Amino acid sequence: MNDLHDTQREAIFRLRKELDIAEERVRLMTNAIKQMEGRITKDYSSPKVQIEVLREYMMVMIALKDWHGVSDAANDLREIEARTYGKHTG
């Protein structure tokens, strides 16, 4: 019976330690987000900005010869343009 209690205590100790670590990660991420919010200089909800960023990303993927990334960026661009400008895709 004592072994069971020791095992339970150890499990509780490990869980509390994991919870402490998770809470610290949340605190760090929250602080990082707050810092990033002050640095955002573009309106990323704007289709024009999204297209600009995706075109730049596509150029990076071309430079890396990452054709899957190029395809992903091209597909995203088509979707944004269709949604924004009413162009048909395909």
Protein backbone atom coordinates (compact mmCIF):
# COMPACT_ATOMS: atom_id res chain seq x y z
CA MET A 1 0.00 0.00 0.00
CA ASN A 2 2.87 2.34 0.84
CA ASP A 3 4.42 1.70 -2.60
CA LEU A 4 1.15 2.75 -4.23
CA HIS A 5 1.12 6.01 -2.28
CA ASP A 6 4.76 6.66 -3.18
CA THR A 7 4.01 6.03 -6.85
CA GLN A 8 1.00 8.35 -6.70
CA ARG A 9 3.06 11.05 -4.95
CA GLU A 10 5.77 10.74 -7.61
CA ALA A 11 3.18 10.98 -10.38
CA ILE A 12 1.62 14.05 -8.77
CA PHE A 13 5.06 15.62 -8.37
CA ARG A 14 5.87 15.00 -12.06
CA LEU A 15 2.52 16.41 -13.16
CA ARG A 16 3.00 19.53 -11.04
CA LYS A 17 6.47 19.99 -12.53
CA GLU A 18 5.07 19.61 -16.07
CA LEU A 19 2.31 22.08 -15.22
CA ASP A 20 4.88 24.58 -13.94
CA ILE A 21 6.84 24.21 -17.16
CA ALA A 22 3.69 24.64 -19.28
CA GLU A 23 2.66 27.73 -17.31
CA GLU A 24 6.12 29.23 -17.83
CA ARG A 25 5.88 28.57 -21.58
CA VAL A 26 2.49 30.28 -21.70
CA ARG A 27 3.91 33.26 -19.80
CA LEU A 28 6.88 33.52 -22.20
CA MET A 29 4.66 33.20 -25.28
CA THR A 30 2.24 35.81 -23.94
CA ASN A 31 5.12 38.23 -23.40
CA ALA A 32 6.48 37.51 -26.88
CA ILE A 33 3.07 38.17 -28.43
CA LYS A 34 2.75 41.46 -26.57
CA GLN A 35 6.18 42.53 -27.81
CA MET A 36 5.37 41.48 -31.39
CA GLU A 37 2.08 43.38 -31.38
CA GLY A 38 3.98 46.62 -30.96
CA ARG A 39 6.21 45.80 -33.93
CA ILE A 40 3.54 44.98 -36.50
CA THR A 41 3.76 47.67 -39.14
CA LYS A 42 1.60 46.14 -41.85
CA ASP A 43 -2.08 45.30 -41.98
CA TYR A 44 -1.79 41.57 -42.63
CA SER A 45 -5.56 41.31 -42.98
CA SER A 46 -5.27 43.38 -46.18
CA PRO A 47 -5.35 41.23 -49.35
CA LYS A 48 -2.82 43.60 -50.94
CA VAL A 49 -0.35 43.01 -48.09
CA GLN A 50 -1.04 39.26 -48.15
CA ILE A 51 -0.27 39.13 -51.87
CA GLU A 52 2.91 41.16 -51.37
CA VAL A 53 4.12 38.85 -48.58
CA LEU A 54 3.24 35.66 -50.47
CA ARG A 55 5.07 36.86 -53.58
CA GLU A 56 8.15 37.52 -51.46
CA TYR A 57 7.77 34.09 -49.84
CA MET A 58 7.48 32.51 -53.29
CA MET A 59 10.78 34.13 -54.30
CA VAL A 60 12.43 32.59 -51.24
CA MET A 61 11.04 29.18 -52.15
CA ILE A 62 12.33 29.57 -55.72
CA ALA A 63 15.78 30.49 -54.40
CA LEU A 64 15.68 27.37 -52.21
CA LYS A 65 14.37 25.28 -55.11
CA ASP A 66 11.51 24.22 -52.83
CA TRP A 67 8.93 23.52 -55.52
CA HIS A 68 6.34 22.34 -52.99
CA GLY A 69 6.64 25.74 -51.24
CA VAL A 70 6.34 27.52 -54.60
CA SER A 71 3.20 25.54 -55.35
CA ASP A 72 1.72 26.32 -51.93
CA ALA A 73 2.40 30.04 -52.33
CA ALA A 74 0.94 30.06 -55.86
CA ASN A 75 -2.21 28.29 -54.67
CA ASP A 76 -2.60 30.75 -51.79
CA LEU A 77 -2.13 33.67 -54.19
CA ARG A 78 -4.81 32.29 -56.52
CA GLU A 79 -7.25 31.93 -53.62
CA ILE A 80 -6.63 35.46 -52.32
CA GLU A 81 -6.95 36.97 -55.79
CA ALA A 82 -10.14 35.03 -56.49
CA ARG A 83 -11.65 36.06 -53.17
CA THR A 84 -10.55 39.67 -53.54
CA TYR A 85 -10.93 40.37 -57.23
CA GLY A 86 -13.51 37.77 -58.23
CA LYS A 87 -11.14 35.97 -60.57
CA HIS A 88 -11.96 32.37 -61.30
CA THR A 89 -9.32 29.83 -60.43
CA GLY A 90 -8.46 26.88 -62.60
